[in-house]
Amino acid sequence: MFNEEKVAQMAGYLLQKRGGRMNLLKLMKLLYLCDREFMNLYDESMSNDLWFSLDHGPILSRTYNLMNGSSDKPNEGWNKWISDRENHDLSLNFEPSEADFSELSIADLKIMDAIYDKFGHYNRWQLEKYTHDFCPEWTDPKGSSIPINPLSLFEKLGRSPKQLEDLSEWIKELDDMDKIACHMR
């Protein structure tokens, strides 16, 4: 189930590594690559977000909406952690301590550290090009947006037909649980 607090902490962790401020496109690409690597290693999403292909590459859809000001929680979640966009940049609202990252597991942190170590020095355009060239699940939407099916992503990550069948059942169970949880709210 999507957790706004967790994606805010993911963004906050990467922003902190960058000195507290980063271009929105660069942050989105780093978050996407973290989620993609988590799926590759653990067969599930770190963010529990929805993935879409946009002109500038793949994105985490709900996180992108938060980056564009869609949170309705004034002093919690995204708005607690991340400032409103300013000239296409996002900034931390406070200097977090290690204890503030309570939603992030050790596995989450290791993957985010590895992705930042590998790609943190890339600028936004280099990251966009990288995701176009090396994320085969991305499809050029030609000015629109196209959902990225999790099974398609797993297929591109090299899963066998049997693994894809098992993952399909697991994804359906997760979707069913998510629908039940949303209905109960």
C-alpha atoms as a PDB file:
ATOM      1  CA  MET A   1       0.000   0.000   0.000  1.00  0.00           C
ATOM      2  CA  PHE A   2       1.330   3.473  -0.898  1.00  0.00           C
ATOM      3  CA  ASN A   3       2.710   5.311   2.126  1.00  0.00           C
ATOM      4  CA  GLU A   4       3.221   9.054   1.708  1.00  0.00           C
ATOM      5  CA  GLU A   5       5.418   9.225   4.810  1.00  0.00           C
ATOM      6  CA  LYS A   6       7.740   6.555   3.433  1.00  0.00           C
ATOM      7  CA  VAL A   7       8.211   8.206   0.024  1.00  0.00           C
ATOM      8  CA  ALA A   8       8.753  11.540   1.797  1.00  0.00           C
ATOM      9  CA  GLN A   9      11.496   9.895   3.856  1.00  0.00           C
ATOM     10  CA  MET A  10      12.974   8.293   0.733  1.00  0.00           C
ATOM     11  CA  ALA A  11      13.097  11.716  -0.937  1.00  0.00           C
ATOM     12  CA  GLY A  12      14.396  13.299   2.260  1.00  0.00           C
ATOM     13  CA  TYR A  13      17.181  10.744   2.550  1.00  0.00           C
ATOM     14  CA  LEU A  14      18.392  11.415  -1.000  1.00  0.00           C
ATOM     15  CA  LEU A  15      18.043  15.178  -0.546  1.00  0.00           C
ATOM     16  CA  GLN A  16      20.105  15.007   2.632  1.00  0.00           C
ATOM     17  CA  LYS A  17      22.858  13.120   0.770  1.00  0.00           C
ATOM     18  CA  ARG A  18      22.852  15.966  -1.810  1.00  0.00           C
ATOM     19  CA  GLY A  19      23.074  18.765   0.771  1.00  0.00           C
ATOM     20  CA  GLY A  20      19.339  19.344   1.182  1.00  0.00           C
ATOM     21  CA  ARG A  21      18.366  20.523  -2.321  1.00  0.00           C
ATOM     22  CA  MET A  22      17.972  18.817  -5.696  1.00  0.00           C
ATOM     23  CA  ASN A  23      16.330  19.251  -9.076  1.00  0.00           C
ATOM     24  CA  LEU A  24      12.907  17.573  -9.237  1.00  0.00           C
ATOM     25  CA  LEU A  25      13.743  15.533 -12.359  1.00  0.00           C
ATOM     26  CA  LYS A  26      16.980  14.255 -10.851  1.00  0.00           C
ATOM     27  CA  LEU A  27      15.259  13.316  -7.585  1.00  0.00           C
ATOM     28  CA  MET A  28      12.474  11.499  -9.445  1.00  0.00           C
ATOM     29  CA  LYS A  29      14.957   9.491 -11.505  1.00  0.00           C
ATOM     30  CA  LEU A  30      16.941   8.528  -8.392  1.00  0.00           C
ATOM     31  CA  LEU A  31      13.737   7.473  -6.604  1.00  0.00           C
ATOM     32  CA  TYR A  32      12.641   5.443  -9.625  1.00  0.00           C
ATOM     33  CA  LEU A  33      16.021   3.715  -9.871  1.00  0.00           C
ATOM     34  CA  CYS A  34      15.897   2.909  -6.136  1.00  0.00           C
ATOM     35  CA  ASP A  35      12.431   1.386  -6.490  1.00  0.00           C
ATOM     36  CA  ARG A  36      13.490  -0.538  -9.595  1.00  0.00           C
ATOM     37  CA  GLU A  37      16.568  -1.980  -7.868  1.00  0.00           C
ATOM     38  CA  PHE A  38      14.498  -2.929  -4.823  1.00  0.00           C
ATOM     39  CA  MET A  39      12.128  -4.811  -7.127  1.00  0.00           C
ATOM     40  CA  ASN A  40      15.058  -6.497  -8.802  1.00  0.00           C
ATOM     41  CA  LEU A  41      16.455  -7.717  -5.479  1.00  0.00           C
ATOM     42  CA  TYR A  42      13.298  -8.363  -3.438  1.00  0.00           C
ATOM     43  CA  ASP A  43      10.472  -8.858  -5.967  1.00  0.00           C
ATOM     44  CA  GLU A  44       8.445  -6.026  -4.495  1.00  0.00           C
ATOM     45  CA  SER A  45       8.330  -2.267  -4.581  1.00  0.00           C
ATOM     46  CA  MET A  46      10.071  -0.077  -2.028  1.00  0.00           C
ATOM     47  CA  SER A  47       7.603   2.760  -2.627  1.00  0.00           C
ATOM     48  CA  ASN A  48       4.419   0.833  -3.448  1.00  0.00           C
ATOM     49  CA  ASP A  49       3.793   3.530  -6.014  1.00  0.00           C
ATOM     50  CA  LEU A  50       2.485   3.214  -9.573  1.00  0.00           C
ATOM     51  CA  TRP A  51       4.999   3.471 -12.430  1.00  0.00           C
ATOM     52  CA  PHE A  52       4.413   5.434 -15.613  1.00  0.00           C
ATOM     53  CA  SER A  53       6.358   6.313 -18.738  1.00  0.00           C
ATOM     54  CA  LEU A  54       6.427  10.061 -19.374  1.00  0.00           C
ATOM     55  CA  ASP A  55       8.432  11.993 -21.948  1.00  0.00           C
ATOM     56  CA  HIS A  56      11.334  12.510 -19.536  1.00  0.00           C
ATOM     57  CA  GLY A  57      11.410   8.811 -18.615  1.00  0.00           C
ATOM     58  CA  PRO A  58       9.830   6.535 -16.036  1.00  0.00           C
ATOM     59  CA  ILE A  59       8.330   8.019 -12.874  1.00  0.00           C
ATOM     60  CA  LEU A  60       6.679   7.037  -9.612  1.00  0.00           C
ATOM     61  CA  SER A  61       3.221   8.480 -10.265  1.00  0.00           C
ATOM     62  CA  ARG A  62       1.904   9.317  -6.789  1.00  0.00           C
ATOM     63  CA  THR A  63       5.314  10.620  -5.737  1.00  0.00           C
ATOM     64  CA  TYR A  64       5.387  12.850  -8.827  1.00  0.00           C
ATOM     65  CA  ASN A  65       1.977  14.200  -7.836  1.00  0.00           C
ATOM     66  CA  LEU A  66       3.319  14.961  -4.345  1.00  0.00           C
ATOM     67  CA  MET A  67       6.283  16.775  -5.910  1.00  0.00           C
ATOM     68  CA  ASN A  68       3.745  18.915  -7.745  1.00  0.00           C
ATOM     69  CA  GLY A  69       1.861  19.854  -4.564  1.00  0.00           C
ATOM     70  CA  SER A  70      -0.947  17.296  -4.327  1.00  0.00           C
ATOM     71  CA  SER A  71      -0.575  16.400  -0.634  1.00  0.00           C
ATOM     72  CA  ASP A  72      -3.489  17.494   1.513  1.00  0.00           C
ATOM     73  CA  LYS A  73      -1.608  16.916   4.793  1.00  0.00           C
ATOM     74  CA  PRO A  74      -0.221  20.334   5.773  1.00  0.00           C
ATOM     75  CA  ASN A  75       2.191  19.301   8.557  1.00  0.00           C
ATOM     76  CA  GLU A  76       2.839  15.632   7.908  1.00  0.00           C
ATOM     77  CA  GLY A  77       3.976  13.281   5.176  1.00  0.00           C
ATOM     78  CA  TRP A  78       5.408  14.995   2.126  1.00  0.00           C
ATOM     79  CA  ASN A  79       4.760  18.557   3.338  1.00  0.00           C
ATOM     80  CA  LYS A  80       6.524  17.915   6.654  1.00  0.00           C
ATOM     81  CA  TRP A  81       9.670  16.745   4.833  1.00  0.00           C
ATOM     82  CA  ILE A  82       9.835  18.529   1.486  1.00  0.00           C
ATOM     83  CA  SER A  83       9.359  22.188   0.529  1.00  0.00           C
ATOM     84  CA  ASP A  84       7.223  23.349  -2.361  1.00  0.00           C
ATOM     85  CA  ARG A  85       8.937  23.410  -5.731  1.00  0.00           C
ATOM     86  CA  GLU A  86      11.061  26.423  -6.438  1.00  0.00           C
ATOM     87  CA  ASN A  87      12.566  26.765  -9.931  1.00  0.00           C
ATOM     88  CA  HIS A  88      12.241  22.996 -10.468  1.00  0.00           C
ATOM     89  CA  ASP A  89      14.130  22.252  -7.235  1.00  0.00           C
ATOM     90  CA  LEU A  90      12.949  20.550  -4.064  1.00  0.00           C
ATOM     91  CA  SER A  91      14.474  21.090  -0.620  1.00  0.00           C
ATOM     92  CA  LEU A  92      14.327  19.567   2.829  1.00  0.00           C
ATOM     93  CA  ASN A  93      12.171  21.454   5.325  1.00  0.00           C
ATOM     94  CA  PHE A  94      14.409  20.427   8.236  1.00  0.00           C
ATOM     95  CA  GLU A  95      17.690  18.660   8.949  1.00  0.00           C
ATOM     96  CA  PRO A  96      16.647  15.071   9.726  1.00  0.00           C
ATOM     97  CA  SER A  97      18.475  12.805  12.135  1.00  0.00           C
ATOM     98  CA  GLU A  98      18.924   9.069  11.633  1.00  0.00           C
ATOM     99  CA  ALA A  99      15.889   8.441  13.881  1.00  0.00           C
ATOM    100  CA  ASP A 100      13.655  10.519  11.589  1.00  0.00           C
ATOM    101  CA  PHE A 101      13.960   7.886   8.847  1.00  0.00           C
ATOM    102  CA  SER A 102      11.778   5.433  10.790  1.00  0.00           C
ATOM    103  CA  GLU A 103       9.873   4.145   7.730  1.00  0.00           C
ATOM    104  CA  LEU A 104      13.057   3.071   5.930  1.00  0.00           C
ATOM    105  CA  SER A 105      14.477  -0.407   6.442  1.00  0.00           C
ATOM    106  CA  ILE A 106      18.156  -1.298   6.352  1.00  0.00           C
ATOM    107  CA  ALA A 107      17.547  -2.809   2.894  1.00  0.00           C
ATOM    108  CA  ASP A 108      15.933   0.467   1.732  1.00  0.00           C
ATOM    109  CA  LEU A 109      18.901   2.489   2.969  1.00  0.00           C
ATOM    110  CA  LYS A 110      21.466   0.168   1.400  1.00  0.00           C
ATOM    111  CA  ILE A 111      19.783   0.396  -1.990  1.00  0.00           C
ATOM    112  CA  MET A 112      19.387   4.169  -1.792  1.00  0.00           C
ATOM    113  CA  ASP A 113      23.053   4.508  -0.815  1.00  0.00           C
ATOM    114  CA  ALA A 114      24.119   2.275  -3.720  1.00  0.00           C
ATOM    115  CA  ILE A 115      21.957   4.150  -6.249  1.00  0.00           C
ATOM    116  CA  TYR A 116      23.179   7.512  -4.981  1.00  0.00           C
ATOM    117  CA  ASP A 117      26.800   6.357  -5.065  1.00  0.00           C
ATOM    118  CA  LYS A 118      26.359   5.213  -8.667  1.00  0.00           C
ATOM    119  CA  PHE A 119      24.182   8.042 -10.021  1.00  0.00           C
ATOM    120  CA  GLY A 120      24.366  10.962  -7.574  1.00  0.00           C
ATOM    121  CA  HIS A 121      26.984  12.727  -9.678  1.00  0.00           C
ATOM    122  CA  TYR A 122      24.787  12.555 -12.821  1.00  0.00           C
ATOM    123  CA  ASN A 123      22.857  15.689 -13.710  1.00  0.00           C
ATOM    124  CA  ARG A 124      19.126  15.515 -14.483  1.00  0.00           C
ATOM    125  CA  TRP A 125      19.637  15.196 -18.241  1.00  0.00           C
ATOM    126  CA  GLN A 126      22.203  12.404 -17.881  1.00  0.00           C
ATOM    127  CA  LEU A 127      19.762  10.547 -15.617  1.00  0.00           C
ATOM    128  CA  GLU A 128      16.941  11.086 -18.099  1.00  0.00           C
ATOM    129  CA  LYS A 129      19.106   9.665 -20.890  1.00  0.00           C
ATOM    130  CA  TYR A 130      20.166   6.752 -18.680  1.00  0.00           C
ATOM    131  CA  THR A 131      16.557   5.806 -17.891  1.00  0.00           C
ATOM    132  CA  HIS A 132      15.648   6.069 -21.584  1.00  0.00           C
ATOM    133  CA  ASP A 133      18.582   3.879 -22.613  1.00  0.00           C
ATOM    134  CA  PHE A 134      18.815   1.352 -19.767  1.00  0.00           C
ATOM    135  CA  CYS A 135      15.273   0.953 -18.421  1.00  0.00           C
ATOM    136  CA  PRO A 136      13.605  -1.053 -21.204  1.00  0.00           C
ATOM    137  CA  GLU A 137      10.239  -0.948 -19.414  1.00  0.00           C
ATOM    138  CA  TRP A 138      10.047   2.756 -20.377  1.00  0.00           C
ATOM    139  CA  THR A 139       8.123   3.432 -23.585  1.00  0.00           C
ATOM    140  CA  ASP A 140       8.168   6.840 -25.260  1.00  0.00           C
ATOM    141  CA  PRO A 141       4.626   8.122 -24.628  1.00  0.00           C
ATOM    142  CA  LYS A 142       4.947  10.883 -27.259  1.00  0.00           C
ATOM    143  CA  GLY A 143       3.534  13.621 -25.048  1.00  0.00           C
ATOM    144  CA  SER A 144       1.174  11.444 -23.044  1.00  0.00           C
ATOM    145  CA  SER A 145       1.699   8.887 -20.271  1.00  0.00           C
ATOM    146  CA  ILE A 146       1.715   5.096 -20.326  1.00  0.00           C
ATOM    147  CA  PRO A 147       1.390   2.874 -17.245  1.00  0.00           C
ATOM    148  CA  ILE A 148       4.272   0.474 -16.632  1.00  0.00           C
ATOM    149  CA  ASN A 149       2.934  -2.935 -15.686  1.00  0.00           C
ATOM    150  CA  PRO A 150       4.894  -4.474 -12.783  1.00  0.00           C
ATOM    151  CA  LEU A 151       5.025  -7.808 -14.628  1.00  0.00           C
ATOM    152  CA  SER A 152       6.536  -6.083 -17.642  1.00  0.00           C
ATOM    153  CA  LEU A 153       9.177  -4.601 -15.368  1.00  0.00           C
ATOM    154  CA  PHE A 154       9.930  -8.013 -13.857  1.00  0.00           C
ATOM    155  CA  GLU A 155      10.145  -9.488 -17.363  1.00  0.00           C
ATOM    156  CA  LYS A 156      12.634  -6.761 -18.360  1.00  0.00           C
ATOM    157  CA  LEU A 157      14.591  -7.578 -15.192  1.00  0.00           C
ATOM    158  CA  GLY A 158      15.001 -11.134 -16.498  1.00  0.00           C
ATOM    159  CA  ARG A 159      12.451 -13.146 -14.536  1.00  0.00           C
ATOM    160  CA  SER A 160      11.573 -16.600 -15.890  1.00  0.00           C
ATOM    161  CA  PRO A 161       8.032 -17.461 -17.065  1.00  0.00           C
ATOM    162  CA  LYS A 162       7.482 -19.453 -13.843  1.00  0.00           C
ATOM    163  CA  GLN A 163       8.712 -16.539 -11.714  1.00  0.00           C
ATOM    164  CA  LEU A 164       6.420 -14.197 -13.662  1.00  0.00           C
ATOM    165  CA  GLU A 165       3.473 -16.500 -13.008  1.00  0.00           C
ATOM    166  CA  ASP A 166       4.226 -16.539  -9.260  1.00  0.00           C
ATOM    167  CA  LEU A 167       4.759 -12.770  -9.215  1.00  0.00           C
ATOM    168  CA  SER A 168       1.461 -12.251 -11.038  1.00  0.00           C
ATOM    169  CA  GLU A 169      -0.381 -14.087  -8.264  1.00  0.00           C
ATOM    170  CA  TRP A 170       1.510 -12.130  -5.600  1.00  0.00           C
ATOM    171  CA  ILE A 171       0.735  -8.770  -7.291  1.00  0.00           C
ATOM    172  CA  LYS A 172      -2.955  -9.679  -7.509  1.00  0.00           C
ATOM    173  CA  GLU A 173      -3.011 -10.494  -3.784  1.00  0.00           C
ATOM    174  CA  LEU A 174      -1.326  -7.177  -2.969  1.00  0.00           C
ATOM    175  CA  ASP A 175      -3.793  -5.282  -5.179  1.00  0.00           C
ATOM    176  CA  ASP A 176      -6.708  -7.003  -3.450  1.00  0.00           C
ATOM    177  CA  MET A 177      -5.317  -6.094  -0.006  1.00  0.00           C
ATOM    178  CA  ASP A 178      -4.776  -2.497  -1.148  1.00  0.00           C
ATOM    179  CA  LYS A 179      -8.394  -2.253  -2.369  1.00  0.00           C
ATOM    180  CA  ILE A 180      -9.673  -3.610   0.951  1.00  0.00           C
ATOM    181  CA  ALA A 181      -7.532  -1.165   2.918  1.00  0.00           C
ATOM    182  CA  CYS A 182      -8.728   1.781   0.795  1.00  0.00           C
ATOM    183  CA  HIS A 183     -12.346   0.694   1.221  1.00  0.00           C
ATOM    184  CA  MET A 184     -11.938   0.571   5.017  1.00  0.00           C
ATOM    185  CA  ARG A 185     -10.695   4.178   5.219  1.00  0.00           C
END
